[in-house]
Protein backbone atom coordinates (compact mmCIF):
# COMPACT_ATOMS: atom_id res chain seq x y z
CA UNK A 1 2.37 -63.93 7.86
CA UNK A 2 0.15 -62.01 6.01
CA UNK A 3 -1.48 -59.54 8.15
CA UNK A 4 -5.09 -57.88 6.72
CA UNK A 5 -7.65 -55.69 7.80
CA UNK A 6 -11.21 -56.62 7.17
CA UNK A 7 -13.16 -53.35 6.34
CA UNK A 8 -16.72 -55.05 5.96
CA UNK A 9 -17.83 -58.85 6.21
CA UNK A 10 -21.13 -59.60 5.19
CA UNK A 11 -23.13 -62.88 4.80
CA UNK A 12 -25.24 -63.20 1.82
CA UNK A 13 -26.35 -66.61 1.82
CA UNK A 14 -27.90 -68.12 4.64
CA UNK A 15 -31.45 -69.44 3.74
CA UNK A 16 -30.76 -73.04 5.30
CA UNK A 17 -29.31 -71.46 8.45
CA UNK A 18 -32.60 -69.79 8.98
CA UNK A 19 -34.57 -72.74 9.21
CA UNK A 20 -32.37 -73.78 11.76
CA UNK A 21 -31.62 -71.01 13.75
CA UNK A 22 -34.60 -68.52 13.77
CA UNK A 23 -37.53 -69.87 15.95
CA UNK A 24 -41.39 -68.08 14.46
CA UNK A 25 -42.95 -66.16 13.51
CA UNK A 26 -45.02 -66.37 16.51
CA UNK A 27 -47.69 -64.34 18.19
CA UNK A 28 -47.26 -62.46 21.46
CA UNK A 29 -51.56 -62.90 21.87
CA UNK A 30 -53.28 -66.29 20.99
CA UNK A 31 -55.88 -64.80 18.18
CA UNK A 32 -55.32 -61.42 15.52
CA UNK A 33 -57.42 -58.71 17.11
CA UNK A 34 -61.22 -57.38 16.44
CA UNK A 35 -58.63 -54.19 15.69
CA UNK A 36 -55.11 -53.83 14.65
CA UNK A 37 -52.69 -54.06 17.73
CA UNK A 38 -49.97 -51.16 16.35
CA UNK A 39 -46.90 -49.48 16.63
CA UNK A 40 -44.96 -52.60 18.72
CA UNK A 41 -42.16 -51.92 20.57
CA UNK A 42 -40.03 -54.21 22.66
CA UNK A 43 -37.74 -53.49 25.73
CA UNK A 44 -35.95 -55.26 28.47
CA UNK A 45 -34.80 -54.78 31.70
CA UNK A 46 -31.53 -55.58 33.09
CA UNK A 47 -33.45 -58.57 35.20
CA UNK A 48 -34.20 -60.34 31.71
CA UNK A 49 -37.92 -58.97 32.12
CA UNK A 50 -39.53 -57.67 28.41
CA UNK A 51 -42.43 -55.29 27.82
CA UNK A 52 -43.85 -55.02 24.73
CA UNK A 53 -45.95 -51.77 24.18
CA UNK A 54 -48.83 -51.62 21.33
CA UNK A 55 -51.53 -49.16 20.49
CA UNK A 56 -55.18 -50.01 19.66
CA UNK A 57 -57.04 -47.37 17.71
CA UNK A 58 -60.01 -45.85 18.92
CA UNK A 59 -62.29 -42.95 17.13
CA UNK A 60 -58.81 -40.00 17.16
CA UNK A 61 -57.36 -41.78 20.22
CA UNK A 62 -54.36 -44.50 20.50
CA UNK A 63 -55.57 -46.77 23.59
CA UNK A 64 -51.88 -47.51 24.68
CA UNK A 65 -51.26 -51.25 26.45
CA UNK A 66 -48.19 -53.16 27.63
CA UNK A 67 -47.81 -56.83 27.92
CA UNK A 68 -44.75 -58.59 29.65
CA UNK A 69 -42.78 -62.08 29.56
CA UNK A 70 -40.69 -63.33 31.94
CA UNK A 71 -39.71 -66.47 29.61
CA UNK A 72 -37.94 -64.72 26.75
CA UNK A 73 -41.21 -63.97 24.90
CA UNK A 74 -42.76 -67.50 24.90
CA UNK A 75 -45.75 -66.37 26.98
CA UNK A 76 -47.32 -62.80 28.12
CA UNK A 77 -49.02 -60.91 30.88
CA UNK A 78 -52.72 -59.90 29.85
CA UNK A 79 -52.63 -56.47 28.95
CA UNK A 80 -52.39 -53.67 30.84
CA UNK A 81 -53.57 -49.99 30.18
CA UNK A 82 -51.10 -47.00 30.23
CA UNK A 83 -52.61 -44.31 28.37
CA UNK A 84 -54.56 -42.79 26.02
CA UNK A 85 -53.03 -40.21 23.49
CA UNK A 86 -54.32 -38.25 20.03
CA UNK A 87 -53.70 -41.14 17.23
CA UNK A 88 -52.04 -38.64 15.12
CA UNK A 89 -49.08 -37.96 17.39
CA UNK A 90 -47.68 -41.76 17.01
CA UNK A 91 -45.77 -42.52 13.78
CA UNK A 92 -42.03 -42.26 12.55
CA UNK A 93 -40.36 -43.26 15.31
CA UNK A 94 -42.86 -41.43 17.45
CA UNK A 95 -43.95 -44.05 19.76
CA UNK A 96 -45.44 -44.19 23.18
CA UNK A 97 -43.26 -46.91 25.09
CA UNK A 98 -42.92 -48.73 28.43
CA UNK A 99 -39.30 -49.32 30.25
CA UNK A 100 -39.08 -51.67 33.35
CA UNK A 101 -36.18 -51.11 35.54
CA UNK A 102 -34.54 -53.19 37.77
CA UNK A 103 -37.07 -52.28 40.66
CA UNK A 104 -39.86 -53.78 38.73
CA UNK A 105 -41.11 -50.02 38.32
CA UNK A 106 -42.54 -49.21 34.90
CA UNK A 107 -42.31 -46.33 33.24
CA UNK A 108 -43.99 -44.72 30.34
CA UNK A 109 -43.31 -41.50 28.17
CA UNK A 110 -45.22 -40.64 24.89
CA UNK A 111 -45.97 -37.19 23.22
CA UNK A 112 -49.31 -36.24 23.00
CA UNK A 113 -51.29 -32.33 21.94
CA UNK A 114 -51.52 -29.79 24.59
CA UNK A 115 -52.77 -27.60 22.18
CA UNK A 116 -53.56 -27.76 18.60
CA UNK A 117 -50.24 -26.79 17.45
CA UNK A 118 -48.36 -27.99 20.33
CA UNK A 119 -46.71 -31.40 21.46
CA UNK A 120 -45.38 -32.27 25.00
CA UNK A 121 -43.25 -35.02 26.23
CA UNK A 122 -44.89 -37.09 28.89
CA UNK A 123 -44.14 -39.49 31.76
CA UNK A 124 -46.12 -41.65 33.94
CA UNK A 125 -44.84 -44.52 36.32
CA UNK A 126 -46.53 -47.82 37.65
CA UNK A 127 -45.38 -49.20 40.88
CA UNK A 128 -47.79 -52.27 41.04
CA UNK A 129 -47.46 -54.14 37.14
CA UNK A 130 -49.36 -51.96 35.60
CA UNK A 131 -52.41 -51.80 36.59
CA UNK A 132 -52.41 -48.37 37.97
CA UNK A 133 -50.69 -45.07 36.92
CA UNK A 134 -49.36 -42.07 37.88
CA UNK A 135 -50.80 -38.74 37.00
CA UNK A 136 -49.21 -38.18 33.37
CA UNK A 137 -46.35 -35.03 33.97
CA UNK A 138 -44.80 -32.83 30.92
CA UNK A 139 -41.11 -33.39 31.45
CA UNK A 140 -40.65 -30.26 29.24
CA UNK A 141 -40.89 -27.60 31.55
CA UNK A 142 -41.45 -24.61 28.87
CA UNK A 143 -43.22 -21.18 29.75
CA UNK A 144 -42.72 -20.59 25.97
CA UNK A 145 -45.21 -23.45 24.97
CA UNK A 146 -43.40 -24.59 21.91
CA UNK A 147 -43.28 -28.04 20.24
CA UNK A 148 -41.14 -31.13 22.34
CA UNK A 149 -41.33 -34.76 20.71
CA UNK A 150 -39.53 -37.30 19.43
CA UNK A 151 -39.34 -38.40 23.16
CA UNK A 152 -37.21 -41.48 24.37
CA UNK A 153 -36.69 -42.95 27.99
CA UNK A 154 -34.80 -45.30 30.01
CA UNK A 155 -34.44 -45.59 33.66
CA UNK A 156 -31.45 -47.44 35.97
CA UNK A 157 -30.99 -47.50 39.85
CA UNK A 158 -33.84 -44.79 40.58
CA UNK A 159 -32.43 -42.38 38.00
CA UNK A 160 -34.95 -42.01 34.90
CA UNK A 161 -33.59 -39.82 31.78
CA UNK A 162 -36.22 -38.44 28.91
CA UNK A 163 -34.79 -36.91 25.64
CA UNK A 164 -36.70 -35.38 23.76
CA UNK A 165 -36.45 -32.51 20.52
CA UNK A 166 -37.34 -29.00 21.52
CA UNK A 167 -38.26 -25.78 19.13
CA UNK A 168 -37.93 -23.40 21.87
CA UNK A 169 -34.96 -21.87 20.70
CA UNK A 170 -35.92 -21.88 17.21
CA UNK A 171 -36.78 -17.69 17.57
CA UNK A 172 -33.48 -17.45 18.70
CA UNK A 173 -30.89 -19.39 16.13
CA UNK A 174 -33.10 -20.99 14.07
CA UNK A 175 -32.37 -24.44 15.40
CA UNK A 176 -34.33 -27.46 17.04
CA UNK A 177 -32.19 -29.08 20.12
CA UNK A 178 -32.22 -32.04 22.09
CA UNK A 179 -32.84 -31.71 25.77
CA UNK A 180 -32.72 -33.98 28.68
CA UNK A 181 -34.92 -34.36 31.44
CA UNK A 182 -33.86 -36.43 34.59
CA UNK A 183 -35.30 -37.71 37.66
CA UNK A 184 -33.26 -38.86 40.85
CA UNK A 185 -36.21 -40.06 42.87
CA UNK A 186 -37.19 -43.05 39.96
CA UNK A 187 -39.45 -40.66 38.54
CA UNK A 188 -41.91 -39.20 41.18
CA UNK A 189 -40.15 -35.63 40.47
CA UNK A 190 -38.32 -34.15 37.18
CA UNK A 191 -35.92 -32.00 37.25
CA UNK A 192 -35.78 -28.97 34.43
CA UNK A 193 -33.98 -30.36 31.35
CA UNK A 194 -30.99 -29.63 29.92
CA UNK A 195 -29.82 -28.88 26.32
CA UNK A 196 -27.60 -31.48 24.91
CA UNK A 197 -26.25 -30.67 21.69
CA UNK A 198 -23.62 -27.81 22.27
CA UNK A 199 -21.59 -27.55 19.12
CA UNK A 200 -20.12 -24.74 20.51
CA UNK A 201 -18.32 -22.25 17.45
CA UNK A 202 -19.50 -24.37 14.54
CA UNK A 203 -23.35 -23.43 14.93
CA UNK A 204 -26.65 -25.91 13.84
CA UNK A 205 -29.02 -27.80 15.87
CA UNK A 206 -30.43 -31.20 15.39
CA UNK A 207 -32.71 -32.50 12.76
CA UNK A 208 -36.90 -31.59 13.01
CA UNK A 209 -38.01 -35.04 12.91
CA UNK A 210 -35.72 -37.30 13.47
CA UNK A 211 -35.61 -39.60 16.57
CA UNK A 212 -33.45 -39.31 19.98
CA UNK A 213 -32.25 -42.12 21.90
CA UNK A 214 -30.15 -42.24 24.82
CA UNK A 215 -28.38 -45.08 26.96
CA UNK A 216 -26.37 -44.75 30.25
CA UNK A 217 -23.24 -47.38 30.36
CA UNK A 218 -22.51 -49.68 33.66
CA UNK A 219 -20.17 -46.68 34.88
CA UNK A 220 -23.10 -44.43 35.11
CA UNK A 221 -22.16 -42.46 31.62
CA UNK A 222 -25.41 -40.96 29.80
CA UNK A 223 -25.05 -41.30 26.27
CA UNK A 224 -27.92 -39.10 24.15
CA UNK A 225 -27.99 -39.62 20.46
CA UNK A 226 -29.48 -37.91 17.59
CA UNK A 227 -29.20 -36.34 13.60
CA UNK A 228 -27.57 -33.09 13.63
CA UNK A 229 -29.08 -30.52 11.47
CA UNK A 230 -25.44 -28.46 11.09
CA UNK A 231 -27.17 -25.79 8.07
CA UNK A 232 -28.60 -29.09 6.50
CA UNK A 233 -25.37 -31.73 7.16
CA UNK A 234 -27.54 -34.59 8.50
CA UNK A 235 -25.13 -36.84 10.84
CA UNK A 236 -25.68 -38.98 13.47
CA UNK A 237 -24.31 -37.76 16.62
CA UNK A 238 -23.63 -38.50 20.44
CA UNK A 239 -22.93 -36.32 23.05
CA UNK A 240 -22.06 -37.70 26.65
CA UNK A 241 -22.56 -36.70 30.09
CA UNK A 242 -20.30 -38.35 33.10
CA UNK A 243 -22.02 -36.23 35.92
CA UNK A 244 -25.33 -38.09 35.72
CA UNK A 245 -26.97 -35.76 33.00
CA UNK A 246 -26.43 -32.80 34.33
CA UNK A 247 -23.80 -31.12 31.74
CA UNK A 248 -22.80 -32.76 28.36
CA UNK A 249 -19.82 -32.78 26.33
CA UNK A 250 -19.43 -31.19 22.71
CA UNK A 251 -20.97 -33.73 20.53
CA UNK A 252 -18.73 -36.98 19.06
CA UNK A 253 -19.65 -37.54 15.25
CA UNK A 254 -20.64 -40.88 14.63
CA UNK A 255 -20.78 -40.90 10.93
CA UNK A 256 -17.55 -40.55 9.39
CA UNK A 257 -19.12 -39.62 5.95
CA UNK A 258 -21.25 -36.39 5.99
CA UNK A 259 -25.25 -36.27 4.63
CA UNK A 260 -26.23 -33.02 3.08
CA UNK A 261 -29.77 -32.90 2.79
CA UNK A 262 -32.31 -29.87 2.56
CA UNK A 263 -35.13 -31.50 4.25
CA UNK A 264 -35.46 -33.71 7.24
CA UNK A 265 -35.00 -38.09 6.56
CA UNK A 266 -37.04 -38.58 9.61
CA UNK A 267 -34.98 -41.14 11.00
CA UNK A 268 -32.61 -41.10 13.93
CA UNK A 269 -30.39 -43.52 15.68
CA UNK A 270 -30.13 -46.04 18.09
CA UNK A 271 -27.90 -47.32 20.45
CA UNK A 272 -27.04 -49.51 23.27
CA UNK A 273 -23.90 -50.24 25.89
CA UNK A 274 -22.18 -53.58 26.45
CA UNK A 275 -20.41 -54.29 29.84
CA UNK A 276 -17.04 -52.37 29.10
CA UNK A 277 -19.11 -49.44 28.54
CA UNK A 278 -18.68 -49.49 24.48
CA UNK A 279 -21.44 -47.75 22.73
CA UNK A 280 -23.13 -49.51 19.90
CA UNK A 281 -24.66 -47.74 17.28
CA UNK A 282 -27.02 -48.33 13.93
CA UNK A 283 -28.98 -45.85 11.95
CA UNK A 284 -30.32 -45.15 8.04
CA UNK A 285 -28.49 -42.58 6.24
CA UNK A 286 -27.73 -41.61 2.36
CA UNK A 287 -24.41 -40.10 2.92
CA UNK A 288 -23.31 -38.03 -0.17
CA UNK A 289 -20.52 -40.53 -0.88
CA UNK A 290 -23.09 -43.22 -1.25
CA UNK A 291 -26.34 -41.72 -2.67
CA UNK A 292 -28.66 -44.35 -1.34
CA UNK A 293 -30.13 -45.34 2.03
CA UNK A 294 -28.03 -47.79 4.06
CA UNK A 295 -27.76 -48.93 7.72
CA UNK A 296 -24.79 -48.61 9.00
CA UNK A 297 -23.06 -49.93 12.34
CA UNK A 298 -20.17 -48.76 14.27
CA UNK A 299 -18.92 -48.91 17.91
CA UNK A 300 -17.74 -46.22 20.43
CA UNK A 301 -15.26 -47.29 23.19
CA UNK A 302 -16.02 -45.74 26.52
CA UNK A 303 -13.01 -42.93 26.71
CA UNK A 304 -13.08 -42.67 22.95
CA UNK A 305 -13.54 -39.37 20.75
CA UNK A 306 -13.97 -40.94 17.85
CA UNK A 307 -15.79 -44.38 16.79
CA UNK A 308 -14.97 -47.29 14.78
CA UNK A 309 -15.17 -47.24 10.70
CA UNK A 310 -18.55 -47.37 10.01
CA UNK A 311 -20.06 -51.04 8.66
CA UNK A 312 -22.49 -51.22 6.08
CA UNK A 313 -24.63 -54.03 6.93
CA UNK A 314 -27.38 -53.85 4.24
CA UNK A 315 -27.24 -54.59 0.54
CA UNK A 316 -26.91 -52.42 -2.10
CA UNK A 317 -29.81 -52.70 -3.81
CA UNK A 318 -32.60 -53.34 -1.04
CA UNK A 319 -35.49 -50.86 -1.62
CA UNK A 320 -35.92 -48.28 1.21
CA UNK A 321 -33.82 -49.63 4.43
CA UNK A 322 -34.65 -47.77 7.97
CA UNK A 323 -35.46 -47.70 11.45
CA UNK A 324 -33.16 -49.97 12.68
CA UNK A 325 -32.89 -51.32 16.41
CA UNK A 326 -29.79 -52.81 18.01
CA UNK A 327 -29.63 -55.23 20.95
CA UNK A 328 -26.07 -56.26 22.05
CA UNK A 329 -24.78 -58.82 24.59
CA UNK A 330 -23.08 -57.56 27.67
CA UNK A 331 -19.61 -59.31 26.62
CA UNK A 332 -20.13 -57.32 23.10
CA UNK A 333 -19.58 -60.94 21.17
CA UNK A 334 -22.94 -60.81 19.60
CA UNK A 335 -24.81 -57.85 17.96
CA UNK A 336 -28.24 -57.90 16.48
CA UNK A 337 -29.59 -55.70 14.17
CA UNK A 338 -33.67 -55.38 12.63
CA UNK A 339 -34.81 -53.17 9.85
CA UNK A 340 -37.43 -52.54 7.79
CA UNK A 341 -37.41 -51.57 4.29
CA UNK A 342 -40.28 -52.00 1.43
CA UNK A 343 -38.70 -55.31 0.55
CA UNK A 344 -39.32 -57.05 3.91
CA UNK A 345 -37.87 -57.29 7.85
CA UNK A 346 -34.34 -57.85 7.88
CA UNK A 347 -32.70 -59.24 11.02
CA UNK A 348 -28.91 -59.01 10.91
CA UNK A 349 -26.40 -60.72 13.42
CA UNK A 350 -22.78 -60.93 14.51
CA UNK A 351 -21.44 -63.94 16.48
CA UNK A 352 -17.94 -62.61 16.64
CA UNK A 353 -17.51 -58.85 18.01
CA UNK A 354 -19.04 -57.39 15.43
CA UNK A 355 -16.63 -57.77 11.97
CA UNK A 356 -18.91 -60.60 10.60
CA UNK A 357 -22.50 -60.12 9.93
CA UNK A 358 -25.18 -63.21 8.42
CA UNK A 359 -28.42 -61.60 7.34
CA UNK A 360 -31.92 -63.31 7.15
CA UNK A 361 -34.92 -62.46 5.50
CA UNK A 362 -37.75 -62.70 8.76
CA UNK A 363 -40.89 -61.54 6.34
CA UNK A 364 -41.08 -60.54 3.00
CA UNK A 365 -45.20 -60.35 2.83
CA UNK A 366 -46.36 -58.28 0.10
CA UNK A 367 -47.57 -55.74 2.63
CA UNK A 368 -45.22 -53.45 4.00
CA UNK A 369 -43.74 -54.71 7.55
CA UNK A 370 -42.66 -52.11 10.34
CA UNK A 371 -41.86 -50.93 13.58
CA UNK A 372 -39.27 -53.08 14.45
CA UNK A 373 -37.53 -53.79 17.71
CA UNK A 374 -34.89 -56.04 19.15
CA UNK A 375 -34.06 -57.03 22.66
CA UNK A 376 -31.79 -59.46 24.14
CA UNK A 377 -33.77 -62.26 26.85
CA UNK A 378 -32.47 -63.96 30.08
CA UNK A 379 -31.04 -67.06 28.00
CA UNK A 380 -28.62 -64.62 25.49
CA UNK A 381 -30.53 -64.72 23.37
CA UNK A 382 -32.10 -62.01 20.58
CA UNK A 383 -35.59 -61.73 20.34
CA UNK A 384 -37.30 -59.52 17.56
CA UNK A 385 -40.91 -57.85 16.77
CA UNK A 386 -42.75 -55.87 14.18
CA UNK A 387 -45.67 -55.05 12.68
CA UNK A 388 -47.17 -57.08 10.37
CA UNK A 389 -50.50 -58.39 8.78
CA UNK A 390 -52.38 -61.16 10.47
CA UNK A 391 -55.79 -62.40 8.73
CA UNK A 392 -56.04 -58.28 7.57
CA UNK A 393 -55.28 -56.52 10.76
CA UNK A 394 -52.31 -55.54 12.38
CA UNK A 395 -50.33 -57.76 14.55
CA UNK A 396 -47.17 -58.00 16.79
CA UNK A 397 -44.96 -60.30 15.38
CA UNK A 398 -42.16 -62.16 16.79
CA UNK A 399 -38.86 -64.24 16.17
CA UNK A 400 -36.38 -65.55 18.47
CA UNK A 401 -33.01 -66.45 17.30
CA UNK A 402 -31.70 -69.93 18.30
CA UNK A 403 -28.12 -68.76 18.82
CA UNK A 404 -27.17 -67.54 22.10
CA UNK A 405 -23.94 -65.35 23.04
CA UNK A 406 -22.06 -68.61 24.51
CA UNK A 407 -23.30 -70.77 21.36
CA UNK A 408 -22.37 -71.58 17.90
CA UNK A 409 -25.37 -72.41 15.32
CA UNK A 410 -27.13 -75.70 16.26
CA UNK A 411 -25.43 -78.92 14.93
CA UNK A 412 -27.34 -79.29 11.90
CA UNK A 413 -26.96 -76.21 10.42
CA UNK A 414 -23.48 -76.30 10.91
CA UNK A 415 -22.59 -80.31 11.91
CA UNK A 416 -20.00 -79.67 14.66
CA UNK A 417 -17.42 -81.05 12.04
CA UNK A 418 -15.10 -80.00 9.39
CA UNK A 419 -16.06 -77.76 6.64
CA UNK A 420 -14.02 -77.33 3.26
CA UNK A 421 -13.45 -73.70 2.08
CA UNK A 422 -12.46 -72.35 -1.14
CA UNK A 423 -11.25 -68.41 -1.01
CA UNK A 424 -11.80 -66.68 -4.14
CA UNK A 425 -11.34 -63.54 -5.92
CA UNK A 426 -14.29 -61.22 -7.77
CA UNK A 427 -13.60 -64.03 -10.81
CA UNK A 428 -13.70 -66.68 -8.91
CA UNK A 429 -10.40 -67.84 -9.31
CA UNK A 430 -9.65 -69.89 -6.07
CA UNK A 431 -7.03 -67.98 -4.03
CA UNK A 432 -6.15 -70.54 -1.49
CA UNK A 433 -8.39 -73.37 0.23
CA UNK A 434 -8.48 -75.31 2.89
CA UNK A 435 -10.50 -77.16 6.07
CA UNK A 436 -11.72 -75.40 9.29
CA UNK A 437 -13.97 -76.10 12.26
CA UNK A 438 -17.32 -75.28 12.42
CA UNK A 439 -16.35 -72.42 15.13
CA UNK A 440 -14.65 -70.79 12.58
CA UNK A 441 -17.13 -70.70 9.93
CA UNK A 442 -18.72 -67.77 12.12
CA UNK A 443 -15.25 -65.82 12.01
CA UNK A 444 -13.78 -66.30 8.37
CA UNK A 445 -10.93 -63.24 9.32
CA UNK A 446 -9.14 -65.83 10.97
CA UNK A 447 -8.57 -67.55 7.00
CA UNK A 448 -7.33 -64.70 5.80
CA UNK A 449 -3.80 -65.43 6.99
CA UNK A 450 -3.36 -67.72 3.80
CA UNK A 451 -3.98 -65.16 1.75
CA UNK A 452 -1.58 -64.03 -0.93
CA UNK A 453 0.20 -61.37 0.78
CA UNK A 454 -0.51 -58.76 -2.82
CA UNK A 455 -4.17 -59.99 -2.70
CA UNK A 456 -6.05 -56.46 -1.86
CA UNK A 457 -9.84 -55.76 -2.84
CA UNK A 458 -13.04 -58.03 -2.27
CA UNK A 459 -12.53 -62.02 -1.54
CA UNK A 460 -15.29 -64.56 -1.08
CA UNK A 461 -14.89 -67.18 1.09
CA UNK A 462 -17.61 -70.04 0.27
CA UNK A 463 -17.97 -72.54 3.00
CA UNK A 464 -19.09 -76.43 2.34
CA UNK A 465 -20.51 -79.28 4.15
CA UNK A 466 -23.14 -81.78 3.76
CA UNK A 467 -24.34 -80.23 0.88
CA UNK A 468 -24.61 -76.96 2.56
CA UNK A 469 -22.88 -73.84 1.22
CA UNK A 470 -22.41 -70.39 3.06
CA UNK A 471 -20.59 -67.43 1.32
CA UNK A 472 -19.03 -64.23 2.91
CA UNK A 473 -17.70 -61.21 1.05
CA UNK A 474 -14.62 -59.83 2.56
CA UNK A 475 -13.16 -56.27 1.81
CA UNK A 476 -9.57 -56.80 2.71
CA UNK A 477 -6.63 -54.06 2.44
């Protein structure tokens, strides 16, 4: 038997699959708004309750609202008003949003101006389904009145964590840094924030306007991800805290190839934990060895100090892929990533522990569609959201994946029967052929055992069943 190592697998053709497995697009609101609903962001609680935060512009203010769904996004509550912020403080990946914890406490984070030139991260909580909110508090605790922005929040088991970029040390070393504020009483009081990025003798800091993000694994380890600025090396890193966010270990490089840029690319990472404590990442970079923007995925084991090999999941010819969002099933068997581009919104899905990805075009409207997000529903499906144009105004769009972490694609698409396949090289020459059950259509790596032992490099696997064709390209060595 010949053993082949999979470097990257990307499904390129699945238009018939999209029609069968993706439900939508549909809308959380029955009618378009009088004004645009902008900057939508989905989050989900451990109980499966989904929150959608969005804003409506009113003069120079952004009125922030949240709605919730308890049935996987089919029906939604009436809007709850969260806060009002200066409209110009929202943009890039900087969005106000709400997360809901397992006790149904709602936690909101946003940034707003406190002086003409200073932004602070603010927090508020609601214990009555978003009907009333506590007085906003700044969690920066900075007497120097430096700017803090690009905040992210998570809440679990009575602990609330907020990460943000901070410029209080710029007059010392010339760099922004990532700080973490935490509350151990579910947001009632806050401890002074601590610095996350400790690069030691190498020096450096973090990218000036790239979003931070954070997650807590099932064992209580806190992870904060960010883009570095180590003298213009703009790479994705993650820092661990095993003491509840009080101290952080030296950051681990998530990117396996550097990107040097004498500017801020304005794009940060996303991360999620599975039940084993493995952390899954998605981000954009234009690494030196490639020279073009691409979306990448990798994962980091609970005790590992180095992530697995980065997998490029966006095609070379897509225009401006950016700002990915990621969702992962507890067993890590299903990974979903959504990202925006100038060519439309792309949804990418893996059903076999992340080595095979299927790509769907979910919105290719001429108008730019953006601010993508993705969450897991209670029944193990991916719910994808983004900002699109609906009758000349912006609105939130949704699709729901018909494939759950415990099922294969539906019967009409996969046929639950026997598929034939041909493995071909780049010249179209057949290397091997055979038949396989429907389950292996989503796990083509299992078919590589019959490849000639001398074959190295790209190979295509063409699956056929009842007039349908799916093609996967794999890189083996």
